[in-house]
mmCIF file of all heavy atoms, coordinates in Angstrom:
data_MODEL
# 
_entry.id   MODEL 
# 
loop_
_atom_site.group_PDB 
_atom_site.id 
_atom_site.type_symbol 
_atom_site.label_atom_id 
_atom_site.label_alt_id 
_atom_site.label_comp_id 
_atom_site.label_asym_id 
_atom_site.label_entity_id 
_atom_site.label_seq_id 
_atom_site.pdbx_PDB_ins_code 
_atom_site.Cartn_x 
_atom_site.Cartn_y 
_atom_site.Cartn_z 
_atom_site.occupancy 
_atom_site.B_iso_or_equiv 
_atom_site.pdbx_formal_charge 
_atom_site.auth_seq_id 
_atom_site.auth_comp_id 
_atom_site.auth_asym_id 
_atom_site.auth_atom_id 
_atom_site.pdbx_PDB_model_num 
ATOM 1   N N   . GLN A 1 1  ? 13.390 -19.753 6.234   1.00 0.00 ? 1  GLN A N   1 
ATOM 2   C CA  . GLN A 1 1  ? 13.614 -18.925 7.419   1.00 0.00 ? 1  GLN A CA  1 
ATOM 3   C C   . GLN A 1 1  ? 13.761 -17.456 7.035   1.00 0.00 ? 1  GLN A C   1 
ATOM 4   O O   . GLN A 1 1  ? 13.315 -16.559 7.754   1.00 0.00 ? 1  GLN A O   1 
ATOM 5   C CB  . GLN A 1 1  ? 14.869 -19.392 8.156   1.00 0.00 ? 1  GLN A CB  1 
ATOM 6   C CG  . GLN A 1 1  ? 14.735 -20.768 8.802   1.00 0.00 ? 1  GLN A CG  1 
ATOM 7   C CD  . GLN A 1 1  ? 16.060 -21.260 9.335   1.00 0.00 ? 1  GLN A CD  1 
ATOM 8   O OE1 . GLN A 1 1  ? 17.120 -20.943 8.790   1.00 0.00 ? 1  GLN A OE1 1 
ATOM 9   N NE2 . GLN A 1 1  ? 16.013 -22.047 10.409  1.00 0.00 ? 1  GLN A NE2 1 
ATOM 10  N N   . ARG A 1 2  ? 14.387 -17.215 5.893   1.00 0.00 ? 2  ARG A N   1 
ATOM 11  C CA  . ARG A 1 2  ? 14.574 -15.844 5.424   1.00 0.00 ? 2  ARG A CA  1 
ATOM 12  C C   . ARG A 1 2  ? 13.229 -15.138 5.261   1.00 0.00 ? 2  ARG A C   1 
ATOM 13  O O   . ARG A 1 2  ? 13.061 -13.990 5.667   1.00 0.00 ? 2  ARG A O   1 
ATOM 14  C CB  . ARG A 1 2  ? 15.335 -15.861 4.093   1.00 0.00 ? 2  ARG A CB  1 
ATOM 15  C CG  . ARG A 1 2  ? 15.750 -14.479 3.593   1.00 0.00 ? 2  ARG A CG  1 
ATOM 16  C CD  . ARG A 1 2  ? 16.491 -14.611 2.274   1.00 0.00 ? 2  ARG A CD  1 
ATOM 17  N NE  . ARG A 1 2  ? 17.569 -15.610 2.373   1.00 0.00 ? 2  ARG A NE  1 
ATOM 18  C CZ  . ARG A 1 2  ? 18.084 -16.237 1.336   1.00 0.00 ? 2  ARG A CZ  1 
ATOM 19  N NH1 . ARG A 1 2  ? 17.637 -15.994 0.111   1.00 0.00 ? 2  ARG A NH1 1 
ATOM 20  N NH2 . ARG A 1 2  ? 19.049 -17.119 1.494   1.00 0.00 ? 2  ARG A NH2 1 
ATOM 21  N N   . VAL A 1 3  ? 12.267 -15.832 4.683   1.00 0.00 ? 3  VAL A N   1 
ATOM 22  C CA  . VAL A 1 3  ? 10.943 -15.246 4.478   1.00 0.00 ? 3  VAL A CA  1 
ATOM 23  C C   . VAL A 1 3  ? 10.260 -14.971 5.802   1.00 0.00 ? 3  VAL A C   1 
ATOM 24  O O   . VAL A 1 3  ? 9.666  -13.902 6.015   1.00 0.00 ? 3  VAL A O   1 
ATOM 25  C CB  . VAL A 1 3  ? 10.066 -16.187 3.621   1.00 0.00 ? 3  VAL A CB  1 
ATOM 26  C CG1 . VAL A 1 3  ? 8.633  -15.699 3.583   1.00 0.00 ? 3  VAL A CG1 1 
ATOM 27  C CG2 . VAL A 1 3  ? 10.620 -16.282 2.219   1.00 0.00 ? 3  VAL A CG2 1 
ATOM 28  N N   . GLU A 1 4  ? 10.322 -15.924 6.725   1.00 0.00 ? 4  GLU A N   1 
ATOM 29  C CA  . GLU A 1 4  ? 9.651  -15.764 8.014   1.00 0.00 ? 4  GLU A CA  1 
ATOM 30  C C   . GLU A 1 4  ? 10.267 -14.623 8.817   1.00 0.00 ? 4  GLU A C   1 
ATOM 31  O O   . GLU A 1 4  ? 9.539  -13.851 9.456   1.00 0.00 ? 4  GLU A O   1 
ATOM 32  C CB  . GLU A 1 4  ? 9.714  -17.069 8.807   1.00 0.00 ? 4  GLU A CB  1 
ATOM 33  C CG  . GLU A 1 4  ? 8.878  -18.193 8.194   1.00 0.00 ? 4  GLU A CG  1 
ATOM 34  C CD  . GLU A 1 4  ? 8.879  -19.435 9.074   1.00 0.00 ? 4  GLU A CD  1 
ATOM 35  O OE1 . GLU A 1 4  ? 8.955  -19.294 10.301  1.00 0.00 ? 4  GLU A OE1 1 
ATOM 36  O OE2 . GLU A 1 4  ? 8.818  -20.547 8.524   1.00 0.00 ? 4  GLU A OE2 1 
ATOM 37  N N   . ILE A 1 5  ? 11.590 -14.518 8.789   1.00 0.00 ? 5  ILE A N   1 
ATOM 38  C CA  . ILE A 1 5  ? 12.250 -13.421 9.509   1.00 0.00 ? 5  ILE A CA  1 
ATOM 39  C C   . ILE A 1 5  ? 11.891 -12.085 8.862   1.00 0.00 ? 5  ILE A C   1 
ATOM 40  O O   . ILE A 1 5  ? 11.558 -11.111 9.545   1.00 0.00 ? 5  ILE A O   1 
ATOM 41  C CB  . ILE A 1 5  ? 13.777 -13.617 9.528   1.00 0.00 ? 5  ILE A CB  1 
ATOM 42  C CG1 . ILE A 1 5  ? 14.140 -14.881 10.304  1.00 0.00 ? 5  ILE A CG1 1 
ATOM 43  C CG2 . ILE A 1 5  ? 14.468 -12.404 10.158  1.00 0.00 ? 5  ILE A CG2 1 
ATOM 44  C CD1 . ILE A 1 5  ? 15.603 -15.276 10.202  1.00 0.00 ? 5  ILE A CD1 1 
ATOM 45  N N   . PHE A 1 6  ? 11.959 -12.037 7.534   1.00 0.00 ? 6  PHE A N   1 
ATOM 46  C CA  . PHE A 1 6  ? 11.641 -10.808 6.814   1.00 0.00 ? 6  PHE A CA  1 
ATOM 47  C C   . PHE A 1 6  ? 10.209 -10.366 7.110   1.00 0.00 ? 6  PHE A C   1 
ATOM 48  O O   . PHE A 1 6  ? 9.954  -9.170  7.337   1.00 0.00 ? 6  PHE A O   1 
ATOM 49  C CB  . PHE A 1 6  ? 11.822 -11.024 5.306   1.00 0.00 ? 6  PHE A CB  1 
ATOM 50  C CG  . PHE A 1 6  ? 11.473 -9.827  4.472   1.00 0.00 ? 6  PHE A CG  1 
ATOM 51  C CD1 . PHE A 1 6  ? 12.379 -8.789  4.311   1.00 0.00 ? 6  PHE A CD1 1 
ATOM 52  C CD2 . PHE A 1 6  ? 10.238 -9.730  3.844   1.00 0.00 ? 6  PHE A CD2 1 
ATOM 53  C CE1 . PHE A 1 6  ? 12.058 -7.675  3.543   1.00 0.00 ? 6  PHE A CE1 1 
ATOM 54  C CE2 . PHE A 1 6  ? 9.905  -8.632  3.079   1.00 0.00 ? 6  PHE A CE2 1 
ATOM 55  C CZ  . PHE A 1 6  ? 10.824 -7.594  2.925   1.00 0.00 ? 6  PHE A CZ  1 
ATOM 56  N N   . ASN A 1 7  ? 9.263  -11.293 7.126   1.00 0.00 ? 7  ASN A N   1 
ATOM 57  C CA  . ASN A 1 7  ? 7.869  -10.958 7.413   1.00 0.00 ? 7  ASN A CA  1 
ATOM 58  C C   . ASN A 1 7  ? 7.664  -10.449 8.826   1.00 0.00 ? 7  ASN A C   1 
ATOM 59  O O   . ASN A 1 7  ? 6.637  -9.813  9.121   1.00 0.00 ? 7  ASN A O   1 
ATOM 60  C CB  . ASN A 1 7  ? 6.972  -12.176 7.179   1.00 0.00 ? 7  ASN A CB  1 
ATOM 61  C CG  . ASN A 1 7  ? 6.685  -12.416 5.715   1.00 0.00 ? 7  ASN A CG  1 
ATOM 62  O OD1 . ASN A 1 7  ? 6.700  -11.498 4.903   1.00 0.00 ? 7  ASN A OD1 1 
ATOM 63  N ND2 . ASN A 1 7  ? 6.441  -13.675 5.351   1.00 0.00 ? 7  ASN A ND2 1 
ATOM 64  N N   . SER A 1 8  ? 8.639  -10.717 9.705   1.00 0.00 ? 8  SER A N   1 
ATOM 65  C CA  . SER A 1 8  ? 8.529  -10.270 11.097  1.00 0.00 ? 8  SER A CA  1 
ATOM 66  C C   . SER A 1 8  ? 9.110  -8.875  11.308  1.00 0.00 ? 8  SER A C   1 
ATOM 67  O O   . SER A 1 8  ? 8.941  -8.291  12.382  1.00 0.00 ? 8  SER A O   1 
ATOM 68  C CB  . SER A 1 8  ? 9.243  -11.269 12.027  1.00 0.00 ? 8  SER A CB  1 
ATOM 69  O OG  . SER A 1 8  ? 8.691  -12.562 11.905  1.00 0.00 ? 8  SER A OG  1 
ATOM 70  N N   . PHE A 1 9  ? 9.790  -8.339  10.288  1.00 0.00 ? 9  PHE A N   1 
ATOM 71  C CA  . PHE A 1 9  ? 10.302 -6.974  10.383  1.00 0.00 ? 9  PHE A CA  1 
ATOM 72  C C   . PHE A 1 9  ? 9.156  -5.968  10.304  1.00 0.00 ? 9  PHE A C   1 
ATOM 73  O O   . PHE A 1 9  ? 8.088  -6.276  9.790   1.00 0.00 ? 9  PHE A O   1 
ATOM 74  C CB  . PHE A 1 9  ? 11.290 -6.679  9.240   1.00 0.00 ? 9  PHE A CB  1 
ATOM 75  C CG  . PHE A 1 9  ? 12.595 -7.430  9.337   1.00 0.00 ? 9  PHE A CG  1 
ATOM 76  C CD1 . PHE A 1 9  ? 13.283 -7.786  8.184   1.00 0.00 ? 9  PHE A CD1 1 
ATOM 77  C CD2 . PHE A 1 9  ? 13.138 -7.773  10.562  1.00 0.00 ? 9  PHE A CD2 1 
ATOM 78  C CE1 . PHE A 1 9  ? 14.486 -8.473  8.255   1.00 0.00 ? 9  PHE A CE1 1 
ATOM 79  C CE2 . PHE A 1 9  ? 14.344 -8.462  10.637  1.00 0.00 ? 9  PHE A CE2 1 
ATOM 80  C CZ  . PHE A 1 9  ? 15.007 -8.813  9.478   1.00 0.00 ? 9  PHE A CZ  1 
ATOM 81  N N   . GLU A 1 10 ? 9.397  -4.763  10.791  1.00 0.00 ? 10 GLU A N   1 
ATOM 82  C CA  . GLU A 1 10 ? 8.422  -3.690  10.650  1.00 0.00 ? 10 GLU A CA  1 
ATOM 83  C C   . GLU A 1 10 ? 8.178  -3.413  9.168   1.00 0.00 ? 10 GLU A C   1 
ATOM 84  O O   . GLU A 1 10 ? 9.075  -3.550  8.334   1.00 0.00 ? 10 GLU A O   1 
ATOM 85  C CB  . GLU A 1 10 ? 8.918  -2.417  11.339  1.00 0.00 ? 10 GLU A CB  1 
ATOM 86  C CG  . GLU A 1 10 ? 8.995  -2.525  12.856  1.00 0.00 ? 10 GLU A CG  1 
ATOM 87  C CD  . GLU A 1 10 ? 9.455  -1.230  13.492  1.00 0.00 ? 10 GLU A CD  1 
ATOM 88  O OE1 . GLU A 1 10 ? 9.770  -0.272  12.738  1.00 0.00 ? 10 GLU A OE1 1 
ATOM 89  O OE2 . GLU A 1 10 ? 9.525  -1.170  14.729  1.00 0.00 ? 10 GLU A OE2 1 
ATOM 90  N N   . TRP A 1 11 ? 6.945  -3.001  8.867   1.00 0.00 ? 11 TRP A N   1 
ATOM 91  C CA  . TRP A 1 11 ? 6.531  -2.774  7.485   1.00 0.00 ? 11 TRP A CA  1 
ATOM 92  C C   . TRP A 1 11 ? 7.452  -1.796  6.763   1.00 0.00 ? 11 TRP A C   1 
ATOM 93  O O   . TRP A 1 11 ? 7.873  -2.031  5.624   1.00 0.00 ? 11 TRP A O   1 
ATOM 94  C CB  . TRP A 1 11 ? 5.094  -2.270  7.488   1.00 0.00 ? 11 TRP A CB  1 
ATOM 95  C CG  . TRP A 1 11 ? 4.492  -1.962  6.160   1.00 0.00 ? 11 TRP A CG  1 
ATOM 96  C CD1 . TRP A 1 11 ? 4.158  -0.728  5.666   1.00 0.00 ? 11 TRP A CD1 1 
ATOM 97  C CD2 . TRP A 1 11 ? 4.110  -2.896  5.131   1.00 0.00 ? 11 TRP A CD2 1 
ATOM 98  N NE1 . TRP A 1 11 ? 3.605  -0.832  4.428   1.00 0.00 ? 11 TRP A NE1 1 
ATOM 99  C CE2 . TRP A 1 11 ? 3.565  -2.146  4.070   1.00 0.00 ? 11 TRP A CE2 1 
ATOM 100 C CE3 . TRP A 1 11 ? 4.187  -4.275  5.007   1.00 0.00 ? 11 TRP A CE3 1 
ATOM 101 C CZ2 . TRP A 1 11 ? 3.087  -2.743  2.907   1.00 0.00 ? 11 TRP A CZ2 1 
ATOM 102 C CZ3 . TRP A 1 11 ? 3.714  -4.875  3.847   1.00 0.00 ? 11 TRP A CZ3 1 
ATOM 103 C CH2 . TRP A 1 11 ? 3.177  -4.103  2.822   1.00 0.00 ? 11 TRP A CH2 1 
ATOM 104 N N   . ASN A 1 12 ? 7.792  -0.684  7.410   1.00 0.00 ? 12 ASN A N   1 
ATOM 105 C CA  . ASN A 1 12 ? 8.626  0.326   6.741   1.00 0.00 ? 12 ASN A CA  1 
ATOM 106 C C   . ASN A 1 12 ? 10.037 -0.197  6.484   1.00 0.00 ? 12 ASN A C   1 
ATOM 107 O O   . ASN A 1 12 ? 10.694 0.184   5.514   1.00 0.00 ? 12 ASN A O   1 
ATOM 108 C CB  . ASN A 1 12 ? 8.680  1.621   7.558   1.00 0.00 ? 12 ASN A CB  1 
ATOM 109 C CG  . ASN A 1 12 ? 9.256  1.429   8.935   1.00 0.00 ? 12 ASN A CG  1 
ATOM 110 O OD1 . ASN A 1 12 ? 8.990  0.418   9.581   1.00 0.00 ? 12 ASN A OD1 1 
ATOM 111 N ND2 . ASN A 1 12 ? 10.027 2.391   9.419   1.00 0.00 ? 12 ASN A ND2 1 
ATOM 112 N N   . ARG A 1 13 ? 10.516 -1.101  7.349   1.00 0.00 ? 13 ARG A N   1 
ATOM 113 C CA  . ARG A 1 13 ? 11.833 -1.713  7.131   1.00 0.00 ? 13 ARG A CA  1 
ATOM 114 C C   . ARG A 1 13 ? 11.793 -2.618  5.900   1.00 0.00 ? 13 ARG A C   1 
ATOM 115 O O   . ARG A 1 13 ? 12.719 -2.628  5.088   1.00 0.00 ? 13 ARG A O   1 
ATOM 116 C CB  . ARG A 1 13 ? 12.217 -2.549  8.349   1.00 0.00 ? 13 ARG A CB  1 
ATOM 117 C CG  . ARG A 1 13 ? 12.551 -1.740  9.581   1.00 0.00 ? 13 ARG A CG  1 
ATOM 118 C CD  . ARG A 1 13 ? 13.962 -1.178  9.530   1.00 0.00 ? 13 ARG A CD  1 
ATOM 119 N NE  . ARG A 1 13 ? 14.454 -0.862  10.852  1.00 0.00 ? 13 ARG A NE  1 
ATOM 120 C CZ  . ARG A 1 13 ? 15.698 -0.980  11.238  1.00 0.00 ? 13 ARG A CZ  1 
ATOM 121 N NH1 . ARG A 1 13 ? 16.604 -1.421  10.394  1.00 0.00 ? 13 ARG A NH1 1 
ATOM 122 N NH2 . ARG A 1 13 ? 16.067 -0.647  12.453  1.00 0.00 ? 13 ARG A NH2 1 
ATOM 123 N N   . GLN A 1 14 ? 10.726 -3.382  5.771   1.00 0.00 ? 14 GLN A N   1 
ATOM 124 C CA  . GLN A 1 14 ? 10.586 -4.268  4.613   1.00 0.00 ? 14 GLN A CA  1 
ATOM 125 C C   . GLN A 1 14 ? 10.615 -3.462  3.321   1.00 0.00 ? 14 GLN A C   1 
ATOM 126 O O   . GLN A 1 14 ? 11.317 -3.811  2.362   1.00 0.00 ? 14 GLN A O   1 
ATOM 127 C CB  . GLN A 1 14 ? 9.273  -5.053  4.713   1.00 0.00 ? 14 GLN A CB  1 
ATOM 128 C CG  . GLN A 1 14 ? 9.194  -6.016  5.876   1.00 0.00 ? 14 GLN A CG  1 
ATOM 129 C CD  . GLN A 1 14 ? 7.875  -6.753  5.930   1.00 0.00 ? 14 GLN A CD  1 
ATOM 130 O OE1 . GLN A 1 14 ? 7.157  -6.842  4.936   1.00 0.00 ? 14 GLN A OE1 1 
ATOM 131 N NE2 . GLN A 1 14 ? 7.526  -7.281  7.089   1.00 0.00 ? 14 GLN A NE2 1 
ATOM 132 N N   . ILE A 1 15 ? 9.851  -2.392  3.286   1.00 0.00 ? 15 ILE A N   1 
ATOM 133 C CA  . ILE A 1 15 ? 9.782  -1.554  2.084   1.00 0.00 ? 15 ILE A CA  1 
ATOM 134 C C   . ILE A 1 15 ? 11.140 -0.930  1.777   1.00 0.00 ? 15 ILE A C   1 
ATOM 135 O O   . ILE A 1 15 ? 11.584 -0.892  0.622   1.00 0.00 ? 15 ILE A O   1 
ATOM 136 C CB  . ILE A 1 15 ? 8.707  -0.465  2.262   1.00 0.00 ? 15 ILE A CB  1 
ATOM 137 C CG1 . ILE A 1 15 ? 7.328  -1.112  2.410   1.00 0.00 ? 15 ILE A CG1 1 
ATOM 138 C CG2 . ILE A 1 15 ? 8.715  0.505   1.081   1.00 0.00 ? 15 ILE A CG2 1 
ATOM 139 C CD1 . ILE A 1 15 ? 6.245  -0.153  2.826   1.00 0.00 ? 15 ILE A CD1 1 
ATOM 140 N N   . ASP A 1 16 ? 11.807 -0.450  2.832   1.00 0.00 ? 16 ASP A N   1 
ATOM 141 C CA  . ASP A 1 16 ? 13.123 0.174   2.642   1.00 0.00 ? 16 ASP A CA  1 
ATOM 142 C C   . ASP A 1 16 ? 14.109 -0.812  2.027   1.00 0.00 ? 16 ASP A C   1 
ATOM 143 O O   . ASP A 1 16 ? 14.889 -0.459  1.133   1.00 0.00 ? 16 ASP A O   1 
ATOM 144 C CB  . ASP A 1 16 ? 13.648 0.674   3.996   1.00 0.00 ? 16 ASP A CB  1 
ATOM 145 C CG  . ASP A 1 16 ? 14.974 1.386   3.877   1.00 0.00 ? 16 ASP A CG  1 
ATOM 146 O OD1 . ASP A 1 16 ? 15.075 2.316   3.057   1.00 0.00 ? 16 ASP A OD1 1 
ATOM 147 O OD2 . ASP A 1 16 ? 15.928 1.002   4.581   1.00 0.00 ? 16 ASP A OD2 1 
ATOM 148 N N   . MET A 1 17 ? 14.074 -2.060  2.468   1.00 0.00 ? 17 MET A N   1 
ATOM 149 C CA  . MET A 1 17 ? 14.981 -3.071  1.914   1.00 0.00 ? 17 MET A CA  1 
ATOM 150 C C   . MET A 1 17 ? 14.679 -3.345  0.447   1.00 0.00 ? 17 MET A C   1 
ATOM 151 O O   . MET A 1 17 ? 15.590 -3.449  -0.371  1.00 0.00 ? 17 MET A O   1 
ATOM 152 C CB  . MET A 1 17 ? 14.867 -4.375  2.724   1.00 0.00 ? 17 MET A CB  1 
ATOM 153 C CG  . MET A 1 17 ? 15.404 -4.274  4.128   1.00 0.00 ? 17 MET A CG  1 
ATOM 154 S SD  . MET A 1 17 ? 15.182 -5.831  5.031   1.00 0.00 ? 17 MET A SD  1 
ATOM 155 C CE  . MET A 1 17 ? 15.378 -5.273  6.710   1.00 0.00 ? 17 MET A CE  1 
ATOM 156 N N   . LEU A 1 18 ? 13.403 -3.466  0.112   1.00 0.00 ? 18 LEU A N   1 
ATOM 157 C CA  . LEU A 1 18 ? 13.037 -3.729  -1.282  1.00 0.00 ? 18 LEU A CA  1 
ATOM 158 C C   . LEU A 1 18 ? 13.398 -2.556  -2.183  1.00 0.00 ? 18 LEU A C   1 
ATOM 159 O O   . LEU A 1 18 ? 13.690 -2.738  -3.370  1.00 0.00 ? 18 LEU A O   1 
ATOM 160 C CB  . LEU A 1 18 ? 11.541 -4.031  -1.390  1.00 0.00 ? 18 LEU A CB  1 
ATOM 161 C CG  . LEU A 1 18 ? 11.166 -5.527  -1.375  1.00 0.00 ? 18 LEU A CG  1 
ATOM 162 C CD1 . LEU A 1 18 ? 11.619 -6.186  -0.083  1.00 0.00 ? 18 LEU A CD1 1 
ATOM 163 C CD2 . LEU A 1 18 ? 9.669  -5.708  -1.557  1.00 0.00 ? 18 LEU A CD2 1 
ATOM 164 N N   . LYS A 1 19 ? 13.420 -1.369  -1.628  1.00 0.00 ? 19 LYS A N   1 
ATOM 165 C CA  . LYS A 1 19 ? 13.756 -0.182  -2.416  1.00 0.00 ? 19 LYS A CA  1 
ATOM 166 C C   . LYS A 1 19 ? 15.253 -0.064  -2.681  1.00 0.00 ? 19 LYS A C   1 
ATOM 167 O O   . LYS A 1 19 ? 15.659 0.393   -3.753  1.00 0.00 ? 19 LYS A O   1 
ATOM 168 C CB  . LYS A 1 19 ? 13.295 1.089   -1.686  1.00 0.00 ? 19 LYS A CB  1 
ATOM 169 C CG  . LYS A 1 19 ? 11.811 1.369   -1.748  1.00 0.00 ? 19 LYS A CG  1 
ATOM 170 C CD  . LYS A 1 19 ? 11.494 2.666   -1.013  1.00 0.00 ? 19 LYS A CD  1 
ATOM 171 C CE  . LYS A 1 19 ? 10.017 3.014   -1.105  1.00 0.00 ? 19 LYS A CE  1 
ATOM 172 N NZ  . LYS A 1 19 ? 9.700  4.259   -0.346  1.00 0.00 ? 19 LYS A NZ  1 
ATOM 173 N N   . THR A 1 20 ? 16.068 -0.487  -1.704  1.00 0.00 ? 20 THR A N   1 
ATOM 174 C CA  . THR A 1 20 ? 17.492 -0.144  -1.759  1.00 0.00 ? 20 THR A CA  1 
ATOM 175 C C   . THR A 1 20 ? 18.448 -1.305  -2.025  1.00 0.00 ? 20 THR A C   1 
ATOM 176 O O   . THR A 1 20 ? 19.579 -1.079  -2.458  1.00 0.00 ? 20 THR A O   1 
ATOM 177 C CB  . THR A 1 20 ? 17.915 0.510   -0.425  1.00 0.00 ? 20 THR A CB  1 
ATOM 178 O OG1 . THR A 1 20 ? 17.655 -0.412  0.654   1.00 0.00 ? 20 THR A OG1 1 
ATOM 179 C CG2 . THR A 1 20 ? 17.116 1.787   -0.176  1.00 0.00 ? 20 THR A CG2 1 
ATOM 180 N N   . GLN A 1 21 ? 18.020 -2.542  -1.786  1.00 0.00 ? 21 GLN A N   1 
ATOM 181 C CA  . GLN A 1 21 ? 18.949 -3.663  -1.900  1.00 0.00 ? 21 GLN A CA  1 
ATOM 182 C C   . GLN A 1 21 ? 19.068 -4.168  -3.340  1.00 0.00 ? 21 GLN A C   1 
ATOM 183 O O   . GLN A 1 21 ? 18.272 -3.806  -4.212  1.00 0.00 ? 21 GLN A O   1 
ATOM 184 C CB  . GLN A 1 21 ? 18.525 -4.791  -0.959  1.00 0.00 ? 21 GLN A CB  1 
ATOM 185 C CG  . GLN A 1 21 ? 18.531 -4.391  0.507   1.00 0.00 ? 21 GLN A CG  1 
ATOM 186 C CD  . GLN A 1 21 ? 19.883 -3.877  0.981   1.00 0.00 ? 21 GLN A CD  1 
ATOM 187 O OE1 . GLN A 1 21 ? 20.933 -4.433  0.613   1.00 0.00 ? 21 GLN A OE1 1 
ATOM 188 N NE2 . GLN A 1 21 ? 19.868 -2.812  1.787   1.00 0.00 ? 21 GLN A NE2 1 
ATOM 189 N N   . ASP A 1 22 ? 20.063 -5.016  -3.545  1.00 0.00 ? 22 ASP A N   1 
ATOM 190 C CA  . ASP A 1 22 ? 20.346 -5.569  -4.872  1.00 0.00 ? 22 ASP A CA  1 
ATOM 191 C C   . ASP A 1 22 ? 19.094 -6.230  -5.456  1.00 0.00 ? 22 ASP A C   1 
ATOM 192 O O   . ASP A 1 22 ? 18.460 -7.067  -4.810  1.00 0.00 ? 22 ASP A O   1 
ATOM 193 C CB  . ASP A 1 22 ? 21.473 -6.590  -4.759  1.00 0.00 ? 22 ASP A CB  1 
ATOM 194 C CG  . ASP A 1 22 ? 21.768 -7.253  -6.096  1.00 0.00 ? 22 ASP A CG  1 
ATOM 195 O OD1 . ASP A 1 22 ? 22.313 -6.574  -6.981  1.00 0.00 ? 22 ASP A OD1 1 
ATOM 196 O OD2 . ASP A 1 22 ? 21.408 -8.439  -6.232  1.00 0.00 ? 22 ASP A OD2 1 
ATOM 197 N N   . GLU A 1 23 ? 18.745 -5.847  -6.693  1.00 0.00 ? 23 GLU A N   1 
ATOM 198 C CA  . GLU A 1 23 ? 17.479 -6.331  -7.272  1.00 0.00 ? 23 GLU A CA  1 
ATOM 199 C C   . GLU A 1 23 ? 17.442 -7.842  -7.455  1.00 0.00 ? 23 GLU A C   1 
ATOM 200 O O   . GLU A 1 23 ? 16.381 -8.465  -7.373  1.00 0.00 ? 23 GLU A O   1 
ATOM 201 C CB  . GLU A 1 23 ? 17.174 -5.635  -8.600  1.00 0.00 ? 23 GLU A CB  1 
ATOM 202 C CG  . GLU A 1 23 ? 18.222 -5.772  -9.668  1.00 0.00 ? 23 GLU A CG  1 
ATOM 203 C CD  . GLU A 1 23 ? 19.188 -4.588  -9.666  1.00 0.00 ? 23 GLU A CD  1 
ATOM 204 O OE1 . GLU A 1 23 ? 19.302 -3.919  -8.619  1.00 0.00 ? 23 GLU A OE1 1 
ATOM 205 O OE2 . GLU A 1 23 ? 19.825 -4.357  -10.705 1.00 0.00 ? 23 GLU A OE2 1 
ATOM 206 N N   . LYS A 1 24 ? 18.596 -8.471  -7.652  1.00 0.00 ? 24 LYS A N   1 
ATOM 207 C CA  . LYS A 1 24 ? 18.613 -9.933  -7.799  1.00 0.00 ? 24 LYS A CA  1 
ATOM 208 C C   . LYS A 1 24 ? 18.236 -10.616 -6.488  1.00 0.00 ? 24 LYS A C   1 
ATOM 209 O O   . LYS A 1 24 ? 17.449 -11.562 -6.463  1.00 0.00 ? 24 LYS A O   1 
ATOM 210 C CB  . LYS A 1 24 ? 19.996 -10.402 -8.266  1.00 0.00 ? 24 LYS A CB  1 
ATOM 211 C CG  . LYS A 1 24 ? 20.335 -10.010 -9.698  1.00 0.00 ? 24 LYS A CG  1 
ATOM 212 C CD  . LYS A 1 24 ? 21.691 -10.566 -10.107 1.00 0.00 ? 24 LYS A CD  1 
ATOM 213 C CE  . LYS A 1 24 ? 22.024 -10.177 -11.546 1.00 0.00 ? 24 LYS A CE  1 
ATOM 214 N NZ  . LYS A 1 24 ? 23.362 -10.695 -11.952 1.00 0.00 ? 24 LYS A NZ  1 
ATOM 215 N N   . GLN A 1 25 ? 18.810 -10.124 -5.391  1.00 0.00 ? 25 GLN A N   1 
ATOM 216 C CA  . GLN A 1 25 ? 18.487 -10.683 -4.079  1.00 0.00 ? 25 GLN A CA  1 
ATOM 217 C C   . GLN A 1 25 ? 17.036 -10.382 -3.708  1.00 0.00 ? 25 GLN A C   1 
ATOM 218 O O   . GLN A 1 25 ? 16.345 -11.225 -3.126  1.00 0.00 ? 25 GLN A O   1 
ATOM 219 C CB  . GLN A 1 25 ? 19.433 -10.123 -3.019  1.00 0.00 ? 25 GLN A CB  1 
ATOM 220 C CG  . GLN A 1 25 ? 20.877 -10.565 -3.195  1.00 0.00 ? 25 GLN A CG  1 
ATOM 221 C CD  . GLN A 1 25 ? 21.791 -9.980  -2.130  1.00 0.00 ? 25 GLN A CD  1 
ATOM 222 O OE1 . GLN A 1 25 ? 21.451 -9.006  -1.471  1.00 0.00 ? 25 GLN A OE1 1 
ATOM 223 N NE2 . GLN A 1 25 ? 22.970 -10.582 -1.961  1.00 0.00 ? 25 GLN A NE2 1 
ATOM 224 N N   . VAL A 1 26 ? 16.576 -9.175  -4.040  1.00 0.00 ? 26 VAL A N   1 
ATOM 225 C CA  . VAL A 1 26 ? 15.189 -8.798  -3.759  1.00 0.00 ? 26 VAL A CA  1 
ATOM 226 C C   . VAL A 1 26 ? 14.242 -9.695  -4.553  1.00 0.00 ? 26 VAL A C   1 
ATOM 227 O O   . VAL A 1 26 ? 13.221 -10.158 -4.033  1.00 0.00 ? 26 VAL A O   1 
ATOM 228 C CB  . VAL A 1 26 ? 14.944 -7.313  -4.101  1.00 0.00 ? 26 VAL A CB  1 
ATOM 229 C CG1 . VAL A 1 26 ? 13.448 -6.996  -4.035  1.00 0.00 ? 26 VAL A CG1 1 
ATOM 230 C CG2 . VAL A 1 26 ? 15.713 -6.414  -3.154  1.00 0.00 ? 26 VAL A CG2 1 
ATOM 231 N N   . ALA A 1 27 ? 14.569 -9.952  -5.805  1.00 0.00 ? 27 ALA A N   1 
ATOM 232 C CA  . ALA A 1 27 ? 13.730 -10.810 -6.649  1.00 0.00 ? 27 ALA A CA  1 
ATOM 233 C C   . ALA A 1 27 ? 13.644 -12.224 -6.077  1.00 0.00 ? 27 ALA A C   1 
ATOM 234 O O   . ALA A 1 27 ? 12.582 -12.856 -6.096  1.00 0.00 ? 27 ALA A O   1 
ATOM 235 C CB  . ALA A 1 27 ? 14.272 -10.843 -8.069  1.00 0.00 ? 27 ALA A CB  1 
# 
């Protein structure tokens, strides 16, 4: 569900999260 919800976010939001959030969770 996490993947499906994340894929439904706006593109710039997805990128912002990958840039700023904890690298372990992002990985």
